[in-house]
């Protein structure tokens, strides 16, 4: 049932209920709470990475020159803030 070669974090996903096609994937821990980096996926495509810096999280979008697109107290809050500002198609 489990593959020992696969890290648990690769299959641990968190849904964002306000955005039904969005998922968060911890990159460096088993849970979102323990992670310092999280991938944001929308509609099956990776759209951003959230990183913890001190007590805040920043959302970085590829192609924006490293300037954070949104902030939050948690990865979930930061990505939700960012998605809330995207066009309805996201």
Protein backbone atom coordinates (compact mmCIF):
# COMPACT_ATOMS: atom_id res chain seq x y z
CA UNK A 1 0.00 0.00 0.00
CA UNK A 2 2.77 2.48 0.78
CA UNK A 3 5.91 3.05 -1.21
CA UNK A 4 8.92 3.66 1.03
CA UNK A 5 10.76 5.42 -1.82
CA UNK A 6 8.08 8.12 -1.94
CA UNK A 7 8.21 10.88 0.64
CA UNK A 8 4.89 11.37 2.49
CA UNK A 9 4.90 15.09 1.64
CA UNK A 10 4.59 14.29 -2.06
CA UNK A 11 1.08 12.96 -1.54
CA UNK A 12 -0.12 15.25 1.26
CA UNK A 13 -2.45 17.86 -0.19
CA UNK A 14 -4.55 20.57 1.39
CA UNK A 15 -7.62 21.96 -0.34
CA UNK A 16 -8.54 25.63 -0.31
CA UNK A 17 -12.30 25.56 0.11
CA UNK A 18 -12.89 29.02 -1.41
CA UNK A 19 -11.06 27.84 -4.56
CA UNK A 20 -12.21 24.29 -5.35
CA UNK A 21 -9.52 23.55 -7.96
CA UNK A 22 -6.64 24.76 -5.76
CA UNK A 23 -4.37 22.48 -3.72
CA UNK A 24 -1.35 23.07 -1.50
CA UNK A 25 1.55 20.60 -1.38
CA UNK A 26 4.19 20.84 1.38
CA UNK A 27 7.69 20.52 -0.09
CA UNK A 28 9.90 19.98 2.94
CA UNK A 29 7.66 18.40 5.58
CA UNK A 30 4.85 15.92 5.97
CA UNK A 31 2.24 18.52 6.90
CA UNK A 32 1.40 22.05 5.88
CA UNK A 33 1.83 23.19 9.49
CA UNK A 34 5.45 21.95 9.62
CA UNK A 35 6.48 23.08 6.13
CA UNK A 36 8.54 26.13 5.20
CA UNK A 37 7.83 25.83 1.46
CA UNK A 38 4.56 24.92 -0.24
CA UNK A 39 3.60 24.49 -3.89
CA UNK A 40 0.27 25.93 -4.98
CA UNK A 41 -1.54 24.05 -7.73
CA UNK A 42 -4.65 25.25 -9.55
CA UNK A 43 -6.44 23.06 -12.05
CA UNK A 44 -3.57 20.57 -12.03
CA UNK A 45 -0.87 23.17 -12.81
CA UNK A 46 1.73 24.58 -10.43
CA UNK A 47 1.06 28.31 -10.25
CA UNK A 48 3.09 29.54 -7.26
CA UNK A 49 5.31 28.70 -4.32
CA UNK A 50 4.71 30.00 -0.81
CA UNK A 51 7.70 30.37 1.51
CA UNK A 52 7.85 31.07 5.22
CA UNK A 53 10.04 33.96 6.26
CA UNK A 54 10.03 34.41 10.01
CA UNK A 55 6.39 34.45 11.09
CA UNK A 56 4.93 35.41 7.68
CA UNK A 57 4.37 33.53 4.46
CA UNK A 58 5.01 35.07 1.01
CA UNK A 59 3.63 33.81 -2.30
CA UNK A 60 6.10 33.85 -5.19
CA UNK A 61 4.83 33.51 -8.75
CA UNK A 62 7.18 32.41 -11.54
CA UNK A 63 8.05 35.26 -13.89
CA UNK A 64 7.50 38.06 -11.39
CA UNK A 65 11.15 38.62 -10.58
CA UNK A 66 11.11 37.30 -7.04
CA UNK A 67 8.73 39.99 -5.77
CA UNK A 68 6.14 38.39 -3.45
CA UNK A 69 2.60 38.57 -4.84
CA UNK A 70 0.81 38.16 -1.48
CA UNK A 71 1.43 37.62 2.21
CA UNK A 72 -0.29 35.85 5.09
CA UNK A 73 0.19 34.46 8.58
CA UNK A 74 -0.01 30.91 7.19
CA UNK A 75 0.58 29.29 3.82
CA UNK A 76 -3.16 28.75 3.46
CA UNK A 77 -3.91 32.41 4.19
CA UNK A 78 -1.17 33.72 1.88
CA UNK A 79 -2.25 31.57 -1.08
CA UNK A 80 -5.92 32.33 -0.44
CA UNK A 81 -5.13 36.07 -0.41
CA UNK A 82 -3.28 35.71 -3.70
CA UNK A 83 -5.98 33.59 -5.36
CA UNK A 84 -8.68 36.03 -4.25
CA UNK A 85 -7.01 38.71 -6.39
CA UNK A 86 -6.80 36.51 -9.51
CA UNK A 87 -9.34 36.57 -12.35
CA UNK A 88 -12.35 34.29 -11.85
CA UNK A 89 -10.86 31.67 -14.22
CA UNK A 90 -8.06 30.84 -11.70
